[in-house]
Amino acid sequence: MVVWQMKPGMARDFEEGYKRHLDWHRKNNDTWTWRGWTIVSGEHFGYFVDGTFFHTWKELDTPVSPAADSADNGVNVMPYAEIRSAAFYEAVTCADKSFFPAIGCALAHLLLPRCTAEQRGRI
């Protein structure tokens, strides 16, 4: 997930650039679904959040053309906003109650930071 803050006066440019970047994903046969939403109240009002969810570790280690994706993002999105945070998360559901035996299903979902296979090897 990435949290973006639009630069002053550039919300419309960001929106159009983000659409162009999603089009890049389509043209490059990206099969992932990308979700985005705008925060409409509170301290981070106006921030935009986007992400793609529920992928396997292997899928996360093999995204579509990372260098070209980054370059396109740099042209179409980055000029209009700043990244405020970026993270990978893993959902732990009730089916995974053995992960937290003391609390079991008391947690419907818990988000844990994710890392790539390469990063896991260093932990």
C-alpha atoms as a PDB file:
ATOM      1  CA  MET A   1       0.000   0.000   0.000  1.00  0.00           C
ATOM      2  CA  VAL A   2       1.191   3.494  -0.791  1.00  0.00           C
ATOM      3  CA  VAL A   3      -0.090   6.715   0.757  1.00  0.00           C
ATOM      4  CA  TRP A   4       0.241   9.755  -1.503  1.00  0.00           C
ATOM      5  CA  GLN A   5      -0.110  13.448  -0.695  1.00  0.00           C
ATOM      6  CA  MET A   6      -0.882  15.584  -3.710  1.00  0.00           C
ATOM      7  CA  LYS A   7       1.278  18.647  -4.239  1.00  0.00           C
ATOM      8  CA  PRO A   8      -0.674  21.916  -3.875  1.00  0.00           C
ATOM      9  CA  GLY A   9      -2.905  22.570  -6.877  1.00  0.00           C
ATOM     10  CA  MET A  10      -1.984  19.282  -8.567  1.00  0.00           C
ATOM     11  CA  ALA A  11      -4.836  16.969  -7.557  1.00  0.00           C
ATOM     12  CA  ARG A  12      -6.288  16.879 -11.081  1.00  0.00           C
ATOM     13  CA  ASP A  13      -2.856  16.297 -12.652  1.00  0.00           C
ATOM     14  CA  PHE A  14      -2.253  13.483 -10.160  1.00  0.00           C
ATOM     15  CA  GLU A  15      -5.598  11.874 -11.009  1.00  0.00           C
ATOM     16  CA  GLU A  16      -4.916  11.991 -14.753  1.00  0.00           C
ATOM     17  CA  GLY A  17      -1.347  10.735 -14.271  1.00  0.00           C
ATOM     18  CA  TYR A  18      -2.539   7.892 -12.060  1.00  0.00           C
ATOM     19  CA  LYS A  19      -5.033   6.880 -14.764  1.00  0.00           C
ATOM     20  CA  ARG A  20      -2.192   6.880 -17.325  1.00  0.00           C
ATOM     21  CA  HIS A  21      -0.111   4.726 -14.986  1.00  0.00           C
ATOM     22  CA  LEU A  22      -2.960   2.223 -14.554  1.00  0.00           C
ATOM     23  CA  ASP A  23      -3.192   2.137 -18.335  1.00  0.00           C
ATOM     24  CA  TRP A  24       0.528   1.225 -18.405  1.00  0.00           C
ATOM     25  CA  HIS A  25      -0.301  -1.754 -16.170  1.00  0.00           C
ATOM     26  CA  ARG A  26      -3.075  -2.848 -18.540  1.00  0.00           C
ATOM     27  CA  LYS A  27      -0.862  -2.513 -21.621  1.00  0.00           C
ATOM     28  CA  ASN A  28       1.825  -4.604 -19.899  1.00  0.00           C
ATOM     29  CA  ASN A  29      -0.584  -7.440 -19.138  1.00  0.00           C
ATOM     30  CA  ASP A  30      -0.548  -6.901 -15.388  1.00  0.00           C
ATOM     31  CA  THR A  31      -3.158  -9.306 -14.004  1.00  0.00           C
ATOM     32  CA  TRP A  32      -3.226  -7.698 -10.551  1.00  0.00           C
ATOM     33  CA  THR A  33      -6.207  -5.598  -9.500  1.00  0.00           C
ATOM     34  CA  TRP A  34      -5.208  -2.156  -8.245  1.00  0.00           C
ATOM     35  CA  ARG A  35      -7.442  -0.393  -5.702  1.00  0.00           C
ATOM     36  CA  GLY A  36      -7.324   3.286  -4.808  1.00  0.00           C
ATOM     37  CA  TRP A  37      -9.269   5.590  -2.530  1.00  0.00           C
ATOM     38  CA  THR A  38      -9.140   9.099  -1.141  1.00  0.00           C
ATOM     39  CA  ILE A  39      -9.207   9.858   2.569  1.00  0.00           C
ATOM     40  CA  VAL A  40     -12.181  12.143   3.143  1.00  0.00           C
ATOM     41  CA  SER A  41     -11.852  13.120   6.797  1.00  0.00           C
ATOM     42  CA  GLY A  42      -9.346  13.494   9.572  1.00  0.00           C
ATOM     43  CA  GLU A  43      -5.707  14.446   9.753  1.00  0.00           C
ATOM     44  CA  HIS A  44      -4.864  12.998   6.321  1.00  0.00           C
ATOM     45  CA  PHE A  45      -7.838  14.473   4.464  1.00  0.00           C
ATOM     46  CA  GLY A  46      -7.185  14.482   0.719  1.00  0.00           C
ATOM     47  CA  TYR A  47      -4.444  11.860   0.782  1.00  0.00           C
ATOM     48  CA  PHE A  48      -4.749   9.064  -1.779  1.00  0.00           C
ATOM     49  CA  VAL A  49      -4.088   5.420  -0.905  1.00  0.00           C
ATOM     50  CA  ASP A  50      -3.510   2.669  -3.436  1.00  0.00           C
ATOM     51  CA  GLY A  51      -2.518  -0.943  -3.405  1.00  0.00           C
ATOM     52  CA  THR A  52      -3.009  -4.434  -4.707  1.00  0.00           C
ATOM     53  CA  PHE A  53      -4.016  -7.157  -2.307  1.00  0.00           C
ATOM     54  CA  PHE A  54      -4.025 -10.888  -1.521  1.00  0.00           C
ATOM     55  CA  HIS A  55      -1.017 -12.012  -3.530  1.00  0.00           C
ATOM     56  CA  THR A  56       1.272 -14.926  -2.773  1.00  0.00           C
ATOM     57  CA  TRP A  57       4.887 -14.351  -1.801  1.00  0.00           C
ATOM     58  CA  LYS A  58       5.936 -15.684  -5.211  1.00  0.00           C
ATOM     59  CA  GLU A  59       3.655 -13.205  -7.005  1.00  0.00           C
ATOM     60  CA  LEU A  60       5.090 -10.333  -4.976  1.00  0.00           C
ATOM     61  CA  ASP A  61       8.591 -11.443  -5.928  1.00  0.00           C
ATOM     62  CA  THR A  62       7.713 -11.398  -9.658  1.00  0.00           C
ATOM     63  CA  PRO A  63       5.727  -8.242 -10.488  1.00  0.00           C
ATOM     64  CA  VAL A  64       5.337  -7.029 -14.066  1.00  0.00           C
ATOM     65  CA  SER A  65       8.470  -5.180 -15.289  1.00  0.00           C
ATOM     66  CA  PRO A  66       9.545  -3.425 -12.043  1.00  0.00           C
ATOM     67  CA  ALA A  67      12.037  -1.052 -13.711  1.00  0.00           C
ATOM     68  CA  ALA A  68       9.591   0.005 -16.437  1.00  0.00           C
ATOM     69  CA  ASP A  69       6.792   0.297 -13.847  1.00  0.00           C
ATOM     70  CA  SER A  70       8.961   2.591 -11.727  1.00  0.00           C
ATOM     71  CA  ALA A  71       9.947   4.680 -14.750  1.00  0.00           C
ATOM     72  CA  ASP A  72       6.318   5.121 -15.821  1.00  0.00           C
ATOM     73  CA  ASN A  73       5.306   5.995 -12.277  1.00  0.00           C
ATOM     74  CA  GLY A  74       8.108   8.570 -12.219  1.00  0.00           C
ATOM     75  CA  VAL A  75       6.759  10.252 -15.346  1.00  0.00           C
ATOM     76  CA  ASN A  76       3.014  10.039 -14.720  1.00  0.00           C
ATOM     77  CA  VAL A  77       2.502  10.128 -10.945  1.00  0.00           C
ATOM     78  CA  MET A  78       5.546  11.313  -8.981  1.00  0.00           C
ATOM     79  CA  PRO A  79       5.615  14.859 -10.409  1.00  0.00           C
ATOM     80  CA  TYR A  80       2.212  15.543  -8.828  1.00  0.00           C
ATOM     81  CA  ALA A  81       2.440  13.943  -5.372  1.00  0.00           C
ATOM     82  CA  GLU A  82       4.777  12.805  -2.635  1.00  0.00           C
ATOM     83  CA  ILE A  83       4.793   9.372  -1.075  1.00  0.00           C
ATOM     84  CA  ARG A  84       4.017   9.609   2.648  1.00  0.00           C
ATOM     85  CA  SER A  85       4.312   5.890   3.357  1.00  0.00           C
ATOM     86  CA  ALA A  86       4.690   2.567   1.588  1.00  0.00           C
ATOM     87  CA  ALA A  87       4.346  -0.897   3.086  1.00  0.00           C
ATOM     88  CA  PHE A  88       3.571  -4.543   2.437  1.00  0.00           C
ATOM     89  CA  TYR A  89       1.053  -6.265   4.712  1.00  0.00           C
ATOM     90  CA  GLU A  90      -0.087  -9.804   5.281  1.00  0.00           C
ATOM     91  CA  ALA A  91      -3.592 -10.607   6.499  1.00  0.00           C
ATOM     92  CA  VAL A  92      -3.810 -13.133   9.310  1.00  0.00           C
ATOM     93  CA  THR A  93      -7.376 -14.430   9.542  1.00  0.00           C
ATOM     94  CA  CYS A  94      -9.352 -16.623  11.888  1.00  0.00           C
ATOM     95  CA  ALA A  95      -8.231 -19.664   9.886  1.00  0.00           C
ATOM     96  CA  ASP A  96      -4.697 -18.884  11.075  1.00  0.00           C
ATOM     97  CA  LYS A  97      -5.602 -19.060  14.783  1.00  0.00           C
ATOM     98  CA  SER A  98      -2.630 -21.340  15.479  1.00  0.00           C
ATOM     99  CA  PHE A  99      -0.446 -18.313  14.725  1.00  0.00           C
ATOM    100  CA  PHE A 100      -1.818 -16.646  17.883  1.00  0.00           C
ATOM    101  CA  PRO A 101      -2.984 -19.549  20.071  1.00  0.00           C
ATOM    102  CA  ALA A 102      -3.651 -17.378  23.132  1.00  0.00           C
ATOM    103  CA  ILE A 103      -6.223 -15.217  21.337  1.00  0.00           C
ATOM    104  CA  GLY A 104      -7.360 -17.489  18.509  1.00  0.00           C
ATOM    105  CA  CYS A 105     -10.296 -16.082  16.587  1.00  0.00           C
ATOM    106  CA  ALA A 106     -10.617 -12.992  18.755  1.00  0.00           C
ATOM    107  CA  LEU A 107      -8.854 -11.179  15.909  1.00  0.00           C
ATOM    108  CA  ALA A 108     -10.788 -11.148  12.662  1.00  0.00           C
ATOM    109  CA  HIS A 109      -7.788  -9.702  10.818  1.00  0.00           C
ATOM    110  CA  LEU A 110      -4.343  -8.592  11.773  1.00  0.00           C
ATOM    111  CA  LEU A 111      -2.016  -6.829   9.373  1.00  0.00           C
ATOM    112  CA  LEU A 112       1.660  -7.688   9.507  1.00  0.00           C
ATOM    113  CA  PRO A 113       4.421  -6.064   7.454  1.00  0.00           C
ATOM    114  CA  ARG A 114       5.501  -8.141   4.438  1.00  0.00           C
ATOM    115  CA  CYS A 115       8.876  -8.388   2.784  1.00  0.00           C
ATOM    116  CA  THR A 116      10.308  -9.980  -0.347  1.00  0.00           C
ATOM    117  CA  ALA A 117      11.945 -13.416  -0.342  1.00  0.00           C
ATOM    118  CA  GLU A 118      15.308 -11.661  -0.490  1.00  0.00           C
ATOM    119  CA  GLN A 119      14.447  -9.556   2.562  1.00  0.00           C
ATOM    120  CA  ARG A 120      13.129 -12.631   4.432  1.00  0.00           C
ATOM    121  CA  GLY A 121      16.546 -14.223   3.988  1.00  0.00           C
ATOM    122  CA  ARG A 122      18.124 -11.362   5.930  1.00  0.00           C
ATOM    123  CA  ILE A 123      15.700 -11.498   8.860  1.00  0.00           C
END
